[in-house]
N, C-alpha and C. Protein backbone atom coordinates (compact mmCIF):
# COMPACT_ATOMS: atom_id res chain seq x y z
N MET A 1 0.74 -0.89 -0.05
CA MET A 1 -0.06 0.17 0.16
C MET A 1 0.54 1.23 -0.01
N GLY A 2 1.97 1.61 1.00
CA GLY A 2 2.89 2.29 1.16
C GLY A 2 3.40 2.46 -0.69
N LEU A 3 3.84 1.33 -1.48
CA LEU A 3 4.08 1.71 -2.62
C LEU A 3 3.54 2.06 -3.79
N ILE A 4 1.97 2.18 -3.02
CA ILE A 4 0.97 2.70 -4.56
C ILE A 4 0.82 4.38 -4.20
N LEU A 5 0.71 4.10 -2.47
CA LEU A 5 0.54 5.77 -1.89
C LEU A 5 1.91 6.65 -2.72
N LEU A 6 3.07 5.65 -2.95
CA LEU A 6 4.58 6.50 -3.49
C LEU A 6 3.96 6.87 -4.52
N ALA A 7 3.69 6.38 -5.82
CA ALA A 7 3.05 6.35 -7.01
C ALA A 7 2.56 7.14 -7.35
N CYS A 8 1.59 7.16 -6.31
CA CYS A 8 0.40 8.16 -6.43
C CYS A 8 0.90 9.68 -5.98
N LEU A 9 1.36 9.71 -5.63
CA LEU A 9 2.50 11.15 -4.51
C LEU A 9 3.18 11.44 -6.26
N SER A 10 3.84 10.65 -6.85
CA SER A 10 4.79 10.90 -7.85
C SER A 10 4.23 11.45 -9.13
N ILE A 11 3.36 10.97 -9.28
CA ILE A 11 2.13 11.20 -10.32
C ILE A 11 1.72 12.89 -9.80
N LEU A 12 1.46 13.02 -8.74
CA LEU A 12 1.03 14.16 -8.63
C LEU A 12 2.22 15.74 -8.69
N ILE A 13 3.27 15.18 -8.55
CA ILE A 13 4.40 16.01 -8.31
C ILE A 13 4.82 16.00 -9.89
N LEU A 14 4.87 15.23 -10.63
CA LEU A 14 5.04 15.04 -12.22
C LEU A 14 3.63 15.97 -12.97
N PHE A 15 2.94 16.20 -11.87
CA PHE A 15 1.54 17.24 -13.36
C PHE A 15 1.96 18.33 -12.34
N ILE A 16 2.22 18.84 -10.90
CA ILE A 16 2.73 20.58 -10.56
C ILE A 16 3.81 20.80 -11.79
N ARG A 17 5.07 19.55 -12.41
CA ARG A 17 5.84 20.09 -12.02
C ARG A 17 5.88 20.61 -14.19
N PHE A 18 4.59 19.35 -14.79
CA PHE A 18 4.29 19.88 -15.86
C PHE A 18 3.83 21.27 -15.64
N GLU A 19 2.49 21.68 -14.94
CA GLU A 19 2.34 22.70 -14.96
C GLU A 19 3.29 23.76 -14.91
N ARG A 20 4.02 23.73 -14.14
CA ARG A 20 5.10 25.40 -14.42
C ARG A 20 5.41 25.55 -15.59
N ARG A 21 5.99 24.38 -15.85
CA ARG A 21 6.71 24.90 -17.59
C ARG A 21 5.84 25.64 -18.61
N PRO A 22 7.40 26.63 -18.95
CA PRO A 22 6.19 27.31 -19.90
C PRO A 22 6.56 27.06 -21.64
N LEU A 23 5.58 26.74 -21.87
CA LEU A 23 5.09 25.91 -23.70
C LEU A 23 4.34 27.15 -23.66
N SER A 24 5.00 27.38 -25.36
CA SER A 24 3.99 28.05 -26.32
C SER A 24 2.67 26.78 -26.79
N GLU A 25 1.94 28.04 -26.91
CA GLU A 25 0.86 27.29 -27.51
C GLU A 25 1.34 26.25 -28.52
N ALA A 26 1.91 26.47 -29.25
CA ALA A 26 2.58 25.50 -30.87
C ALA A 26 3.03 24.55 -30.38
N MET A 27 3.66 24.72 -28.65
CA MET A 27 4.40 23.24 -28.37
C MET A 27 3.49 22.24 -27.35
N LEU A 28 2.49 23.00 -27.34
CA LEU A 28 1.21 22.34 -26.89
C LEU A 28 0.71 21.48 -27.68
N ARG A 29 0.26 21.81 -28.93
CA ARG A 29 -0.35 21.11 -29.77
C ARG A 29 0.15 19.97 -30.30
N PHE A 30 2.23 20.43 -30.50
CA PHE A 30 3.01 19.71 -30.51
C PHE A 30 2.72 18.11 -29.76
N ILE A 31 2.73 18.46 -28.62
CA ILE A 31 2.94 17.49 -27.27
C ILE A 31 1.86 16.70 -27.68
N ALA A 32 0.51 17.58 -27.96
CA ALA A 32 -0.55 16.45 -27.87
C ALA A 32 -1.02 15.78 -29.22
N LEU A 33 -0.75 16.10 -30.23
CA LEU A 33 -0.37 15.56 -31.68
C LEU A 33 0.50 13.64 -31.22
N VAL A 34 1.78 14.05 -30.27
CA VAL A 34 2.57 12.79 -30.78
C VAL A 34 1.62 12.33 -29.53
N THR A 35 1.59 12.99 -28.14
CA THR A 35 0.65 11.84 -27.27
C THR A 35 -0.83 11.33 -27.79
N ALA A 36 -1.57 11.93 -28.83
CA ALA A 36 -2.33 11.11 -29.79
C ALA A 36 -1.77 10.60 -30.72
N ALA A 37 -0.59 10.47 -31.45
CA ALA A 37 -0.81 9.28 -31.90
C ALA A 37 0.10 8.74 -31.53
N ALA A 38 0.56 8.35 -30.32
CA ALA A 38 1.15 7.01 -28.90
C ALA A 38 0.01 6.64 -29.02
N ILE A 39 -1.09 6.83 -28.51
CA ILE A 39 -2.40 6.64 -28.03
C ILE A 39 -2.89 5.66 -29.56
N VAL A 40 -3.31 6.10 -30.57
CA VAL A 40 -3.47 5.92 -31.69
C VAL A 40 -2.79 4.05 -32.25
N GLY A 41 -1.55 4.39 -32.20
CA GLY A 41 -0.25 3.57 -32.25
C GLY A 41 -0.44 2.33 -31.61
N ARG A 42 -1.06 2.89 -30.07
CA ARG A 42 -0.64 1.71 -29.04
C ARG A 42 -2.41 0.63 -29.57
N ILE A 43 -3.09 1.28 -29.89
CA ILE A 43 -4.78 1.15 -29.85
C ILE A 43 -4.07 -0.28 -31.33
N LEU A 44 -3.48 0.72 -32.38
CA LEU A 44 -3.87 -0.39 -32.95
C LEU A 44 -2.75 -1.83 -33.18
N PHE A 45 -1.77 -1.17 -32.89
CA PHE A 45 -0.63 -1.69 -32.84
C PHE A 45 -1.28 -3.34 -31.68
N SER A 46 -2.27 -2.58 -30.48
CA SER A 46 -2.54 -3.83 -29.75
C SER A 46 -2.54 -5.17 -30.46
N SER A 47 -2.54 -5.60 -31.53
CA SER A 47 -2.74 -7.43 -31.51
C SER A 47 -1.49 -8.45 -32.24
N LEU A 48 -0.41 -7.09 -31.97
CA LEU A 48 0.53 -7.73 -31.42
C LEU A 48 1.94 -7.29 -30.46
N PRO A 49 1.63 -8.60 -29.66
CA PRO A 49 2.47 -7.98 -28.24
C PRO A 49 3.70 -7.63 -28.74
N ASN A 50 3.32 -6.27 -27.54
CA ASN A 50 4.67 -5.74 -26.93
C ASN A 50 5.02 -4.52 -28.47
N ILE A 51 4.59 -4.74 -29.33
CA ILE A 51 5.41 -3.96 -30.71
C ILE A 51 4.46 -2.95 -30.49
N GLN A 52 4.78 -1.46 -30.94
CA GLN A 52 3.42 -0.60 -30.81
C GLN A 52 4.54 0.85 -31.06
N PRO A 53 4.23 1.71 -31.19
CA PRO A 53 5.19 2.83 -31.67
C PRO A 53 5.19 3.56 -29.89
N ALA A 54 4.33 3.93 -29.28
CA ALA A 54 4.28 4.24 -27.96
C ALA A 54 5.09 4.29 -27.57
N THR A 55 5.94 3.57 -26.51
CA THR A 55 7.72 4.56 -26.32
C THR A 55 8.30 4.85 -26.60
N ALA A 56 8.22 4.81 -28.25
CA ALA A 56 9.06 5.40 -29.22
C ALA A 56 8.99 6.66 -28.91
N LEU A 57 7.56 7.20 -29.37
CA LEU A 57 7.26 8.84 -29.14
C LEU A 57 7.47 9.45 -27.72
N VAL A 58 7.27 8.61 -26.76
CA VAL A 58 7.29 9.20 -25.41
C VAL A 58 8.89 9.64 -25.20
N LEU A 59 9.60 8.49 -25.88
CA LEU A 59 11.08 8.94 -25.43
C LEU A 59 11.49 9.29 -26.38
N LEU A 60 10.85 9.99 -27.73
CA LEU A 60 11.15 11.25 -28.70
C LEU A 60 10.98 12.61 -27.62
N LEU A 61 9.80 12.49 -26.84
CA LEU A 61 9.30 13.90 -26.35
C LEU A 61 10.39 13.82 -25.30
N ALA A 62 10.59 12.68 -24.82
CA ALA A 62 11.39 12.67 -22.99
C ALA A 62 13.12 13.42 -23.73
N VAL A 63 13.37 13.02 -25.19
CA VAL A 63 14.72 13.56 -25.27
C VAL A 63 14.74 15.06 -25.74
N TYR A 64 13.78 15.20 -26.48
CA TYR A 64 14.05 16.30 -27.46
C TYR A 64 13.74 17.70 -26.44
N VAL A 65 12.14 17.33 -26.05
CA VAL A 65 11.46 18.56 -25.54
C VAL A 65 11.66 18.10 -24.00
N SER A 66 11.32 17.33 -22.86
CA SER A 66 11.88 17.54 -21.86
C SER A 66 11.71 16.03 -21.31
N PRO A 67 11.75 15.68 -20.43
CA PRO A 67 11.97 14.57 -19.94
C PRO A 67 10.37 14.55 -18.97
N VAL A 68 10.25 15.34 -18.15
CA VAL A 68 8.51 15.63 -17.66
C VAL A 68 7.57 15.50 -18.96
N VAL A 69 8.27 15.95 -19.54
CA VAL A 69 7.09 16.26 -20.73
C VAL A 69 6.19 15.00 -21.49
N GLY A 70 7.60 13.79 -21.90
CA GLY A 70 7.52 12.60 -22.23
C GLY A 70 7.03 11.84 -20.93
N ALA A 71 7.51 11.77 -19.79
CA ALA A 71 6.75 11.35 -18.81
C ALA A 71 5.31 11.42 -18.78
N VAL A 72 4.58 12.62 -18.79
CA VAL A 72 3.07 13.53 -18.99
C VAL A 72 2.50 12.50 -19.62
N ALA A 73 3.25 12.38 -21.02
CA ALA A 73 2.80 11.76 -21.89
C ALA A 73 2.76 10.61 -22.06
N GLY A 74 3.32 10.00 -21.85
CA GLY A 74 3.69 8.09 -20.86
C GLY A 74 2.58 7.85 -20.30
N LEU A 75 2.00 8.50 -19.41
CA LEU A 75 1.06 8.66 -18.06
C LEU A 75 -0.26 8.68 -18.98
N LEU A 76 -0.47 10.02 -20.14
CA LEU A 76 -1.83 9.97 -20.68
C LEU A 76 -1.61 8.85 -21.88
N VAL A 77 -0.78 8.38 -22.52
CA VAL A 77 -0.79 7.48 -23.06
C VAL A 77 -1.83 6.12 -22.52
N VAL A 78 -1.05 5.53 -21.48
CA VAL A 78 -1.40 4.27 -20.80
C VAL A 78 -2.83 4.54 -20.21
N VAL A 79 -3.09 5.79 -19.46
CA VAL A 79 -4.45 5.74 -18.91
C VAL A 79 -5.41 6.15 -19.79
N LEU A 80 -5.06 6.52 -21.34
CA LEU A 80 -6.56 6.88 -22.33
C LEU A 80 -6.59 5.99 -23.12
N SER A 81 -5.14 5.02 -23.75
CA SER A 81 -5.55 4.10 -23.93
C SER A 81 -6.19 2.72 -23.75
N SER A 82 -5.90 2.29 -22.32
CA SER A 82 -6.35 1.57 -21.26
C SER A 82 -8.38 1.44 -21.44
N LEU A 83 -8.55 2.97 -21.82
CA LEU A 83 -9.95 3.01 -22.03
C LEU A 83 -10.73 1.80 -23.09
N PHE A 84 -9.63 2.04 -24.55
CA PHE A 84 -9.98 1.13 -25.39
C PHE A 84 -9.35 -0.48 -25.06
N LEU A 85 -8.55 -0.64 -24.66
CA LEU A 85 -7.67 -1.74 -24.53
C LEU A 85 -8.56 -2.30 -22.97
N GLY A 86 -8.87 -2.07 -22.41
CA GLY A 86 -9.33 -2.69 -20.91
C GLY A 86 -8.18 -1.99 -19.76
N SER A 87 -9.06 -1.78 -19.14
CA SER A 87 -8.47 -1.24 -17.37
C SER A 87 -7.80 -2.17 -16.36
N GLY A 88 -7.21 -1.50 -15.58
CA GLY A 88 -6.77 -2.67 -14.34
C GLY A 88 -6.05 -1.68 -13.59
N PRO A 89 -5.70 -2.67 -12.20
CA PRO A 89 -4.50 -2.31 -11.44
C PRO A 89 -3.08 -1.77 -11.69
N PHE A 90 -2.87 -2.72 -13.04
CA PHE A 90 -1.77 -2.75 -13.60
C PHE A 90 -1.30 -1.71 -14.35
N VAL A 91 -2.23 -0.38 -14.57
CA VAL A 91 -1.96 0.73 -15.31
C VAL A 91 -1.49 1.23 -14.33
N LEU A 92 -1.67 1.72 -13.39
CA LEU A 92 -0.47 2.58 -12.79
C LEU A 92 0.87 2.44 -12.56
N PHE A 93 1.39 0.94 -12.95
CA PHE A 93 2.73 0.59 -13.16
C PHE A 93 3.06 1.12 -14.38
N GLN A 94 2.35 0.32 -15.83
CA GLN A 94 2.54 0.91 -16.63
C GLN A 94 2.88 2.07 -16.51
N ALA A 95 2.33 3.48 -15.85
CA ALA A 95 2.47 4.58 -15.71
C ALA A 95 3.70 5.22 -15.69
N LEU A 96 3.89 4.40 -13.96
CA LEU A 96 5.61 4.53 -13.43
C LEU A 96 6.42 4.33 -14.54
N ALA A 97 6.77 2.91 -15.54
CA ALA A 97 7.31 2.71 -16.39
C ALA A 97 7.53 3.76 -16.89
N TYR A 98 6.84 4.11 -17.95
CA TYR A 98 6.84 5.47 -18.64
C TYR A 98 7.61 6.42 -18.29
N MET A 99 7.21 6.95 -16.73
CA MET A 99 7.44 8.11 -16.01
C MET A 99 9.19 7.65 -15.87
N ALA A 100 9.33 6.64 -15.62
CA ALA A 100 10.95 6.15 -15.36
C ALA A 100 11.83 6.07 -16.40
N ILE A 101 11.19 5.60 -17.77
CA ILE A 101 11.99 5.80 -18.48
C ILE A 101 12.26 6.71 -19.67
N SER A 102 11.40 8.04 -18.71
CA SER A 102 11.63 9.14 -19.80
C SER A 102 12.29 9.98 -18.04
N LEU A 103 12.71 10.14 -17.21
CA LEU A 103 12.89 10.78 -16.08
C LEU A 103 14.17 10.23 -15.65
N VAL A 104 14.53 8.96 -16.51
CA VAL A 104 15.94 8.64 -16.51
C VAL A 104 17.01 9.37 -16.53
N GLY A 105 18.10 9.85 -15.49
CA GLY A 105 18.65 10.51 -15.74
C GLY A 105 19.51 10.93 -17.27
N LEU A 106 19.66 10.25 -17.72
CA LEU A 106 20.48 9.87 -18.95
C LEU A 106 19.75 10.06 -19.84
N VAL A 107 18.47 10.58 -19.91
CA VAL A 107 18.02 10.65 -21.24
C VAL A 107 17.99 12.17 -22.46
N PRO A 108 18.22 12.72 -21.21
CA PRO A 108 19.23 14.76 -21.82
C PRO A 108 20.54 14.50 -22.69
N LEU A 109 20.75 13.27 -22.26
CA LEU A 109 21.99 13.48 -23.27
C LEU A 109 21.97 12.39 -24.23
N LEU A 110 20.45 11.58 -24.89
CA LEU A 110 20.58 10.63 -25.78
C LEU A 110 19.96 11.23 -27.53
N LYS A 111 20.66 12.47 -27.26
CA LYS A 111 20.23 13.15 -28.75
C LYS A 111 20.79 12.75 -29.42
N SER A 112 21.62 11.89 -29.97
CA SER A 112 22.17 11.08 -31.01
C SER A 112 20.83 9.97 -31.08
N LYS A 113 20.80 9.50 -32.74
CA LYS A 113 19.97 8.79 -33.05
C LYS A 113 20.14 6.92 -33.02
N GLY A 114 21.42 7.22 -32.43
CA GLY A 114 22.26 5.48 -32.24
C GLY A 114 22.11 5.26 -30.81
N LEU A 115 22.24 6.07 -30.31
CA LEU A 115 22.26 6.49 -28.80
C LEU A 115 21.07 6.47 -28.04
N LEU A 116 19.57 7.17 -28.95
CA LEU A 116 18.14 6.78 -28.50
C LEU A 116 18.07 5.62 -28.58
N ALA A 117 18.32 4.91 -30.07
CA ALA A 117 17.65 3.52 -30.15
C ALA A 117 18.25 2.33 -29.16
N CYS A 118 19.36 2.58 -28.79
CA CYS A 118 19.80 1.82 -27.82
C CYS A 118 19.29 1.68 -26.39
N TYR A 119 18.95 3.18 -25.93
CA TYR A 119 17.89 3.45 -25.25
C TYR A 119 16.63 2.67 -24.74
N GLY A 120 15.80 2.69 -26.19
CA GLY A 120 14.97 2.50 -26.69
C GLY A 120 14.83 1.02 -26.55
N LEU A 121 16.31 0.05 -26.73
CA LEU A 121 16.08 -1.75 -26.58
C LEU A 121 16.04 -1.73 -24.88
N LEU A 122 17.07 -0.66 -24.22
CA LEU A 122 16.85 -1.29 -22.70
C LEU A 122 15.60 -0.64 -21.78
N ALA A 123 14.61 0.63 -22.38
CA ALA A 123 13.85 0.71 -22.30
C ALA A 123 12.59 -0.48 -22.05
N GLY A 124 12.57 -0.88 -23.32
CA GLY A 124 11.69 -1.91 -23.30
C GLY A 124 11.79 -2.71 -22.28
N PHE A 125 12.83 -3.22 -21.81
CA PHE A 125 13.36 -4.30 -20.69
C PHE A 125 12.89 -3.48 -18.86
N LEU A 126 13.48 -2.35 -19.16
CA LEU A 126 12.90 -1.93 -18.38
C LEU A 126 10.69 -1.52 -17.63
N TYR A 127 10.57 -0.61 -18.61
CA TYR A 127 9.44 -0.69 -19.09
C TYR A 127 8.48 -2.14 -18.45
N GLY A 128 9.11 -3.51 -19.15
CA GLY A 128 8.47 -4.41 -18.82
C GLY A 128 8.62 -4.85 -16.95
N TRP A 129 9.62 -4.34 -16.80
CA TRP A 129 10.42 -4.74 -15.30
C TRP A 129 9.32 -4.27 -14.25
N ILE A 130 9.66 -3.22 -14.31
CA ILE A 130 8.52 -2.39 -13.77
C ILE A 130 7.00 -2.30 -13.53
N SER A 131 7.09 -2.80 -14.42
CA SER A 131 5.13 -2.96 -15.08
C SER A 131 4.71 -4.57 -14.13
N ASN A 132 6.11 -5.70 -14.38
CA ASN A 132 5.52 -6.48 -13.07
C ASN A 132 5.41 -6.27 -12.46
N LEU A 133 6.44 -5.03 -11.72
CA LEU A 133 6.42 -4.92 -10.42
C LEU A 133 4.97 -5.05 -9.77
N GLY A 134 3.23 -4.39 -10.65
CA GLY A 134 2.24 -4.28 -10.51
C GLY A 134 1.68 -5.73 -10.11
N PHE A 135 2.23 -6.86 -10.85
CA PHE A 135 1.70 -8.49 -10.54
C PHE A 135 2.32 -8.56 -9.00
N LEU A 136 2.95 -8.12 -8.65
CA LEU A 136 3.69 -8.90 -6.87
C LEU A 136 3.12 -7.79 -6.34
N ILE A 137 2.79 -6.89 -6.37
CA ILE A 137 2.10 -5.88 -5.02
C ILE A 137 0.62 -6.39 -5.05
N PHE A 138 -0.59 -6.41 -6.77
CA PHE A 138 -1.78 -6.84 -6.61
C PHE A 138 -2.16 -8.21 -6.29
N THR A 139 -1.35 -9.13 -6.31
CA THR A 139 -1.70 -10.54 -6.75
C THR A 139 -0.39 -11.30 -5.24
N GLU A 140 0.30 -10.35 -4.56
CA GLU A 140 0.85 -10.85 -3.57
C GLU A 140 1.75 -11.98 -4.20
N PHE A 141 2.53 -12.14 -5.03
CA PHE A 141 3.52 -12.91 -6.08
C PHE A 141 4.75 -13.43 -4.89
N SER A 142 4.86 -14.17 -4.39
CA SER A 142 6.30 -14.40 -4.09
C SER A 142 7.40 -13.82 -4.33
N ARG A 143 8.66 -13.64 -4.30
CA ARG A 143 9.71 -12.31 -5.04
C ARG A 143 10.28 -13.78 -5.97
N GLU A 144 10.24 -15.67 -5.53
CA GLU A 144 9.96 -16.53 -6.80
C GLU A 144 9.71 -15.81 -8.26
N ALA A 145 8.12 -15.49 -7.42
CA ALA A 145 7.21 -15.77 -8.79
C ALA A 145 7.11 -14.42 -9.90
N PHE A 146 7.94 -13.22 -9.01
CA PHE A 146 8.23 -12.53 -9.73
C PHE A 146 9.27 -12.61 -10.63
N LEU A 147 10.39 -13.30 -9.94
CA LEU A 147 11.02 -13.52 -10.56
C LEU A 147 11.41 -14.30 -12.18
N THR A 148 10.32 -15.10 -11.53
CA THR A 148 9.64 -16.57 -13.12
C THR A 148 8.99 -15.34 -13.79
N LEU A 149 8.15 -14.75 -13.69
CA LEU A 149 7.63 -13.36 -14.52
C LEU A 149 8.65 -12.74 -15.33
N VAL A 150 9.83 -12.32 -14.80
CA VAL A 150 10.18 -11.58 -14.97
C VAL A 150 11.32 -12.21 -16.58
N VAL A 151 11.84 -13.42 -15.62
CA VAL A 151 12.31 -14.48 -16.69
C VAL A 151 11.20 -14.80 -18.17
N THR A 152 10.28 -15.07 -18.10
CA THR A 152 9.05 -15.19 -18.86
C THR A 152 9.07 -14.47 -19.60
N GLY A 153 8.97 -13.34 -19.21
CA GLY A 153 8.45 -12.08 -19.95
C GLY A 153 9.17 -11.04 -20.79
N GLY A 154 10.60 -11.79 -20.65
CA GLY A 154 12.03 -11.45 -21.52
C GLY A 154 12.08 -11.25 -22.90
N VAL A 155 11.29 -12.57 -23.05
CA VAL A 155 11.30 -12.63 -24.70
C VAL A 155 9.99 -11.31 -25.32
N PHE A 156 9.25 -11.09 -24.39
CA PHE A 156 8.09 -9.99 -24.44
C PHE A 156 8.71 -8.49 -24.38
N ASP A 157 9.81 -8.31 -23.47
CA ASP A 157 10.30 -7.23 -23.48
C ASP A 157 11.56 -6.88 -24.28
N LEU A 158 12.10 -8.19 -24.80
CA LEU A 158 12.80 -8.19 -25.95
C LEU A 158 12.83 -7.39 -26.82
N VAL A 159 11.11 -7.95 -27.42
CA VAL A 159 10.16 -8.06 -28.45
C VAL A 159 9.90 -6.39 -28.59
N HIS A 160 9.98 -5.82 -27.52
CA HIS A 160 8.92 -4.08 -27.35
C HIS A 160 10.59 -3.72 -27.13
N GLY A 161 11.38 -4.00 -26.66
CA GLY A 161 12.70 -2.65 -27.27
C GLY A 161 13.38 -3.21 -28.83
N ILE A 162 12.93 -4.37 -29.02
CA ILE A 162 13.87 -4.22 -30.81
C ILE A 162 12.46 -3.27 -31.62
N GLY A 163 10.97 -3.64 -30.86
CA GLY A 163 10.35 -2.33 -31.67
C GLY A 163 10.44 -1.26 -31.55
N ASN A 164 11.18 -0.43 -30.20
CA ASN A 164 11.74 0.26 -30.04
C ASN A 164 12.28 1.15 -31.10
N VAL A 165 13.86 0.16 -30.55
CA VAL A 165 14.54 0.88 -32.18
C VAL A 165 13.99 0.80 -33.26
N CYS A 166 13.19 -0.21 -33.57
CA CYS A 166 12.51 0.26 -34.94
C CYS A 166 11.46 1.46 -35.23
N PHE A 167 10.77 1.09 -34.39
CA PHE A 167 9.59 2.88 -34.55
C PHE A 167 11.00 4.00 -34.27
N ILE A 168 11.71 4.08 -33.27
CA ILE A 168 12.34 5.21 -33.40
C ILE A 168 13.53 5.93 -34.27
N LEU A 169 14.04 4.41 -34.93
CA LEU A 169 14.77 5.18 -36.46
C LEU A 169 13.93 5.25 -37.40
N LEU A 170 12.52 5.04 -37.71
CA LEU A 170 11.69 5.73 -38.30
C LEU A 170 11.21 6.72 -38.01
N LEU A 171 10.38 7.06 -36.60
CA LEU A 171 9.88 8.37 -36.59
C LEU A 171 11.02 9.54 -36.50
N HIS A 172 12.59 8.80 -36.03
CA HIS A 172 12.84 10.28 -35.42
C HIS A 172 13.43 11.17 -36.54
N PRO A 173 13.76 10.82 -37.56
CA PRO A 173 13.83 12.40 -39.02
C PRO A 173 12.42 12.99 -38.72
N THR A 174 11.29 12.62 -38.86
CA THR A 174 10.34 13.56 -38.98
C THR A 174 9.22 14.49 -37.85
N PHE A 175 9.77 13.39 -36.87
CA PHE A 175 9.77 13.94 -35.50
C PHE A 175 10.92 15.42 -35.18
N LEU A 176 11.75 15.14 -35.36
CA LEU A 176 12.79 16.37 -35.48
C LEU A 176 12.33 17.81 -36.38
N ARG A 177 11.84 17.13 -37.56
CA ARG A 177 11.78 17.78 -38.66
C ARG A 177 10.53 18.87 -38.78
N ILE A 178 9.46 17.85 -37.66
CA ILE A 178 8.46 18.93 -37.16
C ILE A 178 8.73 20.03 -35.77
N LEU A 179 9.28 19.24 -35.13
CA LEU A 179 9.89 19.89 -33.85
C LEU A 179 10.68 21.45 -34.86
N HIS A 180 11.76 21.10 -35.39
CA HIS A 180 12.63 22.17 -36.20
C HIS A 180 11.49 23.42 -36.42
N SER A 181 11.00 23.01 -37.36
CA SER A 181 9.97 24.12 -37.54
C SER A 181 9.10 25.01 -36.49
N ILE A 182 8.74 23.65 -35.86
CA ILE A 182 7.83 24.45 -34.81
C ILE A 182 9.14 25.31 -33.89
N ASP A 183 10.18 25.70 -33.40
CA ASP A 183 11.00 26.29 -32.91
C ASP A 183 11.85 27.36 -33.73
N ARG A 184 11.76 26.98 -35.28
CA ARG A 184 12.12 27.94 -35.79
C ARG A 184 10.84 29.60 -36.06
N LYS A 185 9.51 28.38 -35.74
CA LYS A 185 8.61 30.05 -35.76
C LYS A 185 8.37 30.72 -34.31
N ALA A 186 8.72 29.87 -33.64
CA ALA A 186 8.93 30.26 -32.34
C ALA A 186 9.96 31.40 -31.87
N GLY A 187 11.31 31.08 -32.76
CA GLY A 187 12.93 31.62 -32.80
C GLY A 187 13.62 31.14 -31.62
N LYS A 188 13.80 29.53 -31.76
CA LYS A 188 14.23 29.00 -30.59
C LYS A 188 15.16 28.07 -31.37
N GLU A 189 16.43 27.44 -30.74
CA GLU A 189 16.37 26.83 -31.59
C GLU A 189 17.37 25.67 -30.83
N HIS A 190 17.45 24.22 -31.05
CA HIS A 190 17.53 22.89 -29.80
C HIS A 190 18.88 22.94 -29.73
């Protein structure tokens, strides 16, 4: 129960930090469109286990806009797509997983496509491990059962990571082109 309260407090702090960020109207529209694309992509690819563009789009936002923006987008992706895909207590830990992979201290250093793609592979595993914590807490699994879940889920986490790499490599140029056009109109450089 303490971990659940800590998770909810973390989400509240995240939203407070997001609300205090100065963002232009154009940037808010861009963030909303990328988040919507991630939600739609997650829903459209839901028949393929762990292959979806949502994580790649969240990571692109985290690296090129802000880790806080990426974390908020990830949280929105999980909560809003769960309205279509099904919801349960695991959604909290999926949201925490997106927060964790977006807020990791390395994220601002990943501005090269290759480094970001490598981190996308790792993020597939981090997302799976953090999401699996929800099963441990909500179903009172033993630690041994959790390790079994992590090991058997390893293939799915690997597929998620490989999907992240592919989507990052595919979406990176278009994402930057759109982001830079917004920045040029606003008079900013990344």
